[in-house]
Amino acid sequence: MSEKKPKNGEASASNWSEEEKAAMKERAKELKADKVARSKASDEQAVMDKIGEMPEVERVIALRLHEMIKEEFPDLYPKTWYGMPAYQLGGKILVFFQSAHRFGSRYSTLGFSDTAKLDDGAFWPTSFALSELDAKVEAQIRELIRKAIG
C-alpha cells in the first residue's frame, strides 16, 4: 500500500523533524495553559525552567538575556513560546531566544516576531545568530529591543 501524499499546501507528518514535532507539542501545551488564569510569576518560572534545561553555554546566554530584559524592559512579559524563552508586549510575542541544542542548529538565535518595529525599507533582519554575549553584543541587543518596541 502506498503512503497517502499530502494535498497541495498540506504538510505530511513525515516532513517535520522530531525537534519540530516536540516544539509544536510544547506550543500546544502553552496554548492550553493560556486558557487557565496564570500569573506573571508562574510564566517567568516556566521561562526559568526552560533556561535551566539548556546546556551550560546556552543557559548562560539565555539567563543574561532574561536578566537584561527584565531590568531594562520591564514592560516585556516573560513567557515560553514553542518551549523557548520569549518576551511579549501587549499580549504578543516580541522577542525570543531559540536554543541551538534544542533544534540541532549550529548556533542559538535571538529572533523578533512580526510585531517588532524593525522595518527598514523592503528588506531587514528579524533573527540573529548568537554564539556569545559580551558587552558589545548586549548593547546591540538593547538597541534592537528599543527599536522593536517602537
C-alpha atoms as a PDB file:
ATOM      1  CA  MET A   1       0.000   0.000   0.000  1.00  0.00           C
ATOM      2  CA  SER A   2       1.398   3.398  -0.894  1.00  0.00           C
ATOM      3  CA  GLU A   3       1.650   6.323   1.502  1.00  0.00           C
ATOM      4  CA  LYS A   4      -1.047   8.952   1.087  1.00  0.00           C
ATOM      5  CA  LYS A   5       0.527  12.065  -0.402  1.00  0.00           C
ATOM      6  CA  PRO A   6      -0.445  15.441   1.069  1.00  0.00           C
ATOM      7  CA  LYS A   7      -2.641  17.721  -0.977  1.00  0.00           C
ATOM      8  CA  ASN A   8      -1.158  20.929  -2.335  1.00  0.00           C
ATOM      9  CA  GLY A   9      -0.322  23.219   0.598  1.00  0.00           C
ATOM     10  CA  GLU A  10      -0.563  20.468   3.225  1.00  0.00           C
ATOM     11  CA  ALA A  11       2.416  19.107   5.106  1.00  0.00           C
ATOM     12  CA  SER A  12       2.660  15.445   5.958  1.00  0.00           C
ATOM     13  CA  ALA A  13       3.703  14.391   9.442  1.00  0.00           C
ATOM     14  CA  SER A  14       6.894  12.915   7.973  1.00  0.00           C
ATOM     15  CA  ASN A  15       8.047  16.375   6.818  1.00  0.00           C
ATOM     16  CA  TRP A  16       8.625  17.515  10.415  1.00  0.00           C
ATOM     17  CA  SER A  17      11.776  16.679  12.376  1.00  0.00           C
ATOM     18  CA  GLU A  18      11.443  15.211  15.853  1.00  0.00           C
ATOM     19  CA  GLU A  19      12.628  18.550  17.275  1.00  0.00           C
ATOM     20  CA  GLU A  20       9.951  20.454  15.338  1.00  0.00           C
ATOM     21  CA  LYS A  21       7.254  17.994  16.465  1.00  0.00           C
ATOM     22  CA  ALA A  22       8.380  18.452  20.083  1.00  0.00           C
ATOM     23  CA  ALA A  23       8.272  22.251  19.710  1.00  0.00           C
ATOM     24  CA  MET A  24       4.732  22.070  18.298  1.00  0.00           C
ATOM     25  CA  LYS A  25       3.653  19.885  21.232  1.00  0.00           C
ATOM     26  CA  GLU A  26       5.195  22.426  23.621  1.00  0.00           C
ATOM     27  CA  ARG A  27       3.269  25.214  21.869  1.00  0.00           C
ATOM     28  CA  ALA A  28       0.005  23.277  22.146  1.00  0.00           C
ATOM     29  CA  LYS A  29       0.605  22.911  25.906  1.00  0.00           C
ATOM     30  CA  GLU A  30       1.327  26.636  26.163  1.00  0.00           C
ATOM     31  CA  LEU A  31      -1.910  27.497  24.372  1.00  0.00           C
ATOM     32  CA  LYS A  32      -3.892  25.236  26.712  1.00  0.00           C
ATOM     33  CA  ALA A  33      -2.199  26.829  29.715  1.00  0.00           C
ATOM     34  CA  ASP A  34      -3.114  30.295  28.405  1.00  0.00           C
ATOM     35  CA  LYS A  35      -6.763  29.392  28.838  1.00  0.00           C
ATOM     36  CA  VAL A  36      -6.159  28.965  32.549  1.00  0.00           C
ATOM     37  CA  ALA A  37      -5.503  32.143  34.514  1.00  0.00           C
ATOM     38  CA  ARG A  38      -1.758  32.340  35.032  1.00  0.00           C
ATOM     39  CA  SER A  39       0.376  34.799  36.890  1.00  0.00           C
ATOM     40  CA  LYS A  40       3.463  36.604  35.697  1.00  0.00           C
ATOM     41  CA  ALA A  41       5.400  34.709  38.363  1.00  0.00           C
ATOM     42  CA  SER A  42       4.339  31.319  37.012  1.00  0.00           C
ATOM     43  CA  ASP A  43       5.099  32.373  33.423  1.00  0.00           C
ATOM     44  CA  GLU A  44       8.508  33.634  34.489  1.00  0.00           C
ATOM     45  CA  GLN A  45       9.130  30.375  36.353  1.00  0.00           C
ATOM     46  CA  ALA A  46       8.289  28.443  33.172  1.00  0.00           C
ATOM     47  CA  VAL A  47      10.883  30.553  31.304  1.00  0.00           C
ATOM     48  CA  MET A  48      13.459  29.895  34.041  1.00  0.00           C
ATOM     49  CA  ASP A  49      12.707  26.169  33.906  1.00  0.00           C
ATOM     50  CA  LYS A  50      13.331  26.117  30.139  1.00  0.00           C
ATOM     51  CA  ILE A  51      16.559  28.077  30.577  1.00  0.00           C
ATOM     52  CA  GLY A  52      17.607  25.579  33.255  1.00  0.00           C
ATOM     53  CA  GLU A  53      17.204  22.697  30.772  1.00  0.00           C
ATOM     54  CA  MET A  54      19.711  24.216  28.323  1.00  0.00           C
ATOM     55  CA  PRO A  55      23.361  23.184  28.032  1.00  0.00           C
ATOM     56  CA  GLU A  56      25.607  25.473  30.090  1.00  0.00           C
ATOM     57  CA  VAL A  57      26.835  27.699  27.236  1.00  0.00           C
ATOM     58  CA  GLU A  58      23.285  28.463  26.101  1.00  0.00           C
ATOM     59  CA  ARG A  59      21.987  28.666  29.663  1.00  0.00           C
ATOM     60  CA  VAL A  60      24.497  31.439  30.472  1.00  0.00           C
ATOM     61  CA  ILE A  61      23.422  33.434  27.393  1.00  0.00           C
ATOM     62  CA  ALA A  62      19.690  32.889  27.947  1.00  0.00           C
ATOM     63  CA  LEU A  63      19.927  33.775  31.637  1.00  0.00           C
ATOM     64  CA  ARG A  64      21.831  37.007  30.921  1.00  0.00           C
ATOM     65  CA  LEU A  65      19.305  37.931  28.224  1.00  0.00           C
ATOM     66  CA  HIS A  66      16.486  37.283  30.677  1.00  0.00           C
ATOM     67  CA  GLU A  67      18.102  39.421  33.383  1.00  0.00           C
ATOM     68  CA  MET A  68      18.851  42.254  30.939  1.00  0.00           C
ATOM     69  CA  ILE A  69      15.321  42.265  29.505  1.00  0.00           C
ATOM     70  CA  LYS A  70      13.782  42.147  32.970  1.00  0.00           C
ATOM     71  CA  GLU A  71      15.953  45.053  34.204  1.00  0.00           C
ATOM     72  CA  GLU A  72      15.790  47.333  31.177  1.00  0.00           C
ATOM     73  CA  PHE A  73      12.466  46.478  29.593  1.00  0.00           C
ATOM     74  CA  PRO A  74      10.056  45.808  32.481  1.00  0.00           C
ATOM     75  CA  ASP A  75       7.053  46.155  30.132  1.00  0.00           C
ATOM     76  CA  LEU A  76       8.097  42.949  28.372  1.00  0.00           C
ATOM     77  CA  TYR A  77       6.345  39.953  29.868  1.00  0.00           C
ATOM     78  CA  PRO A  78       8.318  36.658  30.067  1.00  0.00           C
ATOM     79  CA  LYS A  79       6.580  33.634  28.586  1.00  0.00           C
ATOM     80  CA  THR A  80       7.558  30.386  26.906  1.00  0.00           C
ATOM     81  CA  TRP A  81       6.920  30.148  23.177  1.00  0.00           C
ATOM     82  CA  TYR A  82       7.424  26.827  21.401  1.00  0.00           C
ATOM     83  CA  GLY A  83       9.205  25.747  24.564  1.00  0.00           C
ATOM     84  CA  MET A  84      11.739  28.580  24.415  1.00  0.00           C
ATOM     85  CA  PRO A  85      12.120  31.808  26.423  1.00  0.00           C
ATOM     86  CA  ALA A  86      10.185  34.688  24.881  1.00  0.00           C
ATOM     87  CA  TYR A  87       9.027  38.132  25.866  1.00  0.00           C
ATOM     88  CA  GLN A  88       5.753  39.690  24.864  1.00  0.00           C
ATOM     89  CA  LEU A  89       4.416  43.203  24.722  1.00  0.00           C
ATOM     90  CA  GLY A  90       0.679  43.850  24.759  1.00  0.00           C
ATOM     91  CA  GLY A  91      -0.061  40.120  24.708  1.00  0.00           C
ATOM     92  CA  LYS A  92       2.030  39.424  21.574  1.00  0.00           C
ATOM     93  CA  ILE A  93       5.473  37.859  21.384  1.00  0.00           C
ATOM     94  CA  LEU A  94       8.072  40.491  20.514  1.00  0.00           C
ATOM     95  CA  VAL A  95      11.458  38.807  21.041  1.00  0.00           C
ATOM     96  CA  PHE A  96      12.566  35.232  21.695  1.00  0.00           C
ATOM     97  CA  PHE A  97      15.659  33.094  22.254  1.00  0.00           C
ATOM     98  CA  GLN A  98      15.990  29.807  20.398  1.00  0.00           C
ATOM     99  CA  SER A  99      18.427  27.199  21.676  1.00  0.00           C
ATOM    100  CA  ALA A 100      20.804  25.660  19.134  1.00  0.00           C
ATOM    101  CA  HIS A 101      20.835  22.411  21.099  1.00  0.00           C
ATOM    102  CA  ARG A 102      17.046  22.113  21.105  1.00  0.00           C
ATOM    103  CA  PHE A 103      16.801  22.263  17.313  1.00  0.00           C
ATOM    104  CA  GLY A 104      20.167  20.741  16.398  1.00  0.00           C
ATOM    105  CA  SER A 105      21.393  24.031  14.938  1.00  0.00           C
ATOM    106  CA  ARG A 106      24.908  25.373  14.665  1.00  0.00           C
ATOM    107  CA  TYR A 107      24.095  28.454  16.736  1.00  0.00           C
ATOM    108  CA  SER A 108      21.441  29.879  19.027  1.00  0.00           C
ATOM    109  CA  THR A 109      19.141  32.555  17.673  1.00  0.00           C
ATOM    110  CA  LEU A 110      17.718  35.790  19.008  1.00  0.00           C
ATOM    111  CA  GLY A 111      14.589  36.462  16.991  1.00  0.00           C
ATOM    112  CA  PHE A 112      11.870  39.047  16.656  1.00  0.00           C
ATOM    113  CA  SER A 113       8.266  38.453  15.653  1.00  0.00           C
ATOM    114  CA  ASP A 114       6.396  40.420  13.025  1.00  0.00           C
ATOM    115  CA  THR A 115       5.090  42.750  15.748  1.00  0.00           C
ATOM    116  CA  ALA A 116       8.619  44.132  16.200  1.00  0.00           C
ATOM    117  CA  LYS A 117       9.072  47.534  14.627  1.00  0.00           C
ATOM    118  CA  LEU A 118      12.359  46.703  12.926  1.00  0.00           C
ATOM    119  CA  ASP A 119      11.179  47.597   9.412  1.00  0.00           C
ATOM    120  CA  ASP A 120      13.869  49.224   7.317  1.00  0.00           C
ATOM    121  CA  GLY A 121      12.847  49.632   3.696  1.00  0.00           C
ATOM    122  CA  ALA A 122      11.946  46.495   1.778  1.00  0.00           C
ATOM    123  CA  PHE A 123      14.447  44.142   3.465  1.00  0.00           C
ATOM    124  CA  TRP A 124      15.577  43.750   7.105  1.00  0.00           C
ATOM    125  CA  PRO A 125      16.710  41.018   9.516  1.00  0.00           C
ATOM    126  CA  THR A 126      14.376  39.546  12.109  1.00  0.00           C
ATOM    127  CA  SER A 127      16.701  36.956  13.635  1.00  0.00           C
ATOM    128  CA  PHE A 128      20.327  36.949  14.652  1.00  0.00           C
ATOM    129  CA  ALA A 129      22.832  34.177  15.299  1.00  0.00           C
ATOM    130  CA  LEU A 130      24.022  34.377  18.890  1.00  0.00           C
ATOM    131  CA  SER A 131      27.074  32.379  19.982  1.00  0.00           C
ATOM    132  CA  GLU A 132      28.246  34.513  22.909  1.00  0.00           C
ATOM    133  CA  LEU A 133      27.042  37.517  24.838  1.00  0.00           C
ATOM    134  CA  ASP A 134      29.603  40.205  25.628  1.00  0.00           C
ATOM    135  CA  ALA A 135      29.094  43.905  26.419  1.00  0.00           C
ATOM    136  CA  LYS A 136      29.172  44.931  22.748  1.00  0.00           C
ATOM    137  CA  VAL A 137      26.579  42.330  21.697  1.00  0.00           C
ATOM    138  CA  GLU A 138      24.442  43.181  24.714  1.00  0.00           C
ATOM    139  CA  ALA A 139      24.424  46.860  23.685  1.00  0.00           C
ATOM    140  CA  GLN A 140      23.343  45.886  20.151  1.00  0.00           C
ATOM    141  CA  ILE A 141      20.533  43.720  21.559  1.00  0.00           C
ATOM    142  CA  ARG A 142      19.344  46.548  23.811  1.00  0.00           C
ATOM    143  CA  GLU A 143      19.192  48.856  20.797  1.00  0.00           C
ATOM    144  CA  LEU A 144      17.290  46.280  18.724  1.00  0.00           C
ATOM    145  CA  ILE A 145      14.747  45.746  21.504  1.00  0.00           C
ATOM    146  CA  ARG A 146      14.266  49.518  21.905  1.00  0.00           C
ATOM    147  CA  LYS A 147      13.658  49.804  18.158  1.00  0.00           C
ATOM    148  CA  ALA A 148      11.388  46.730  18.148  1.00  0.00           C
ATOM    149  CA  ILE A 149       9.214  48.260  20.887  1.00  0.00           C
ATOM    150  CA  GLY A 150       8.983  51.496  18.907  1.00  0.00           C
END
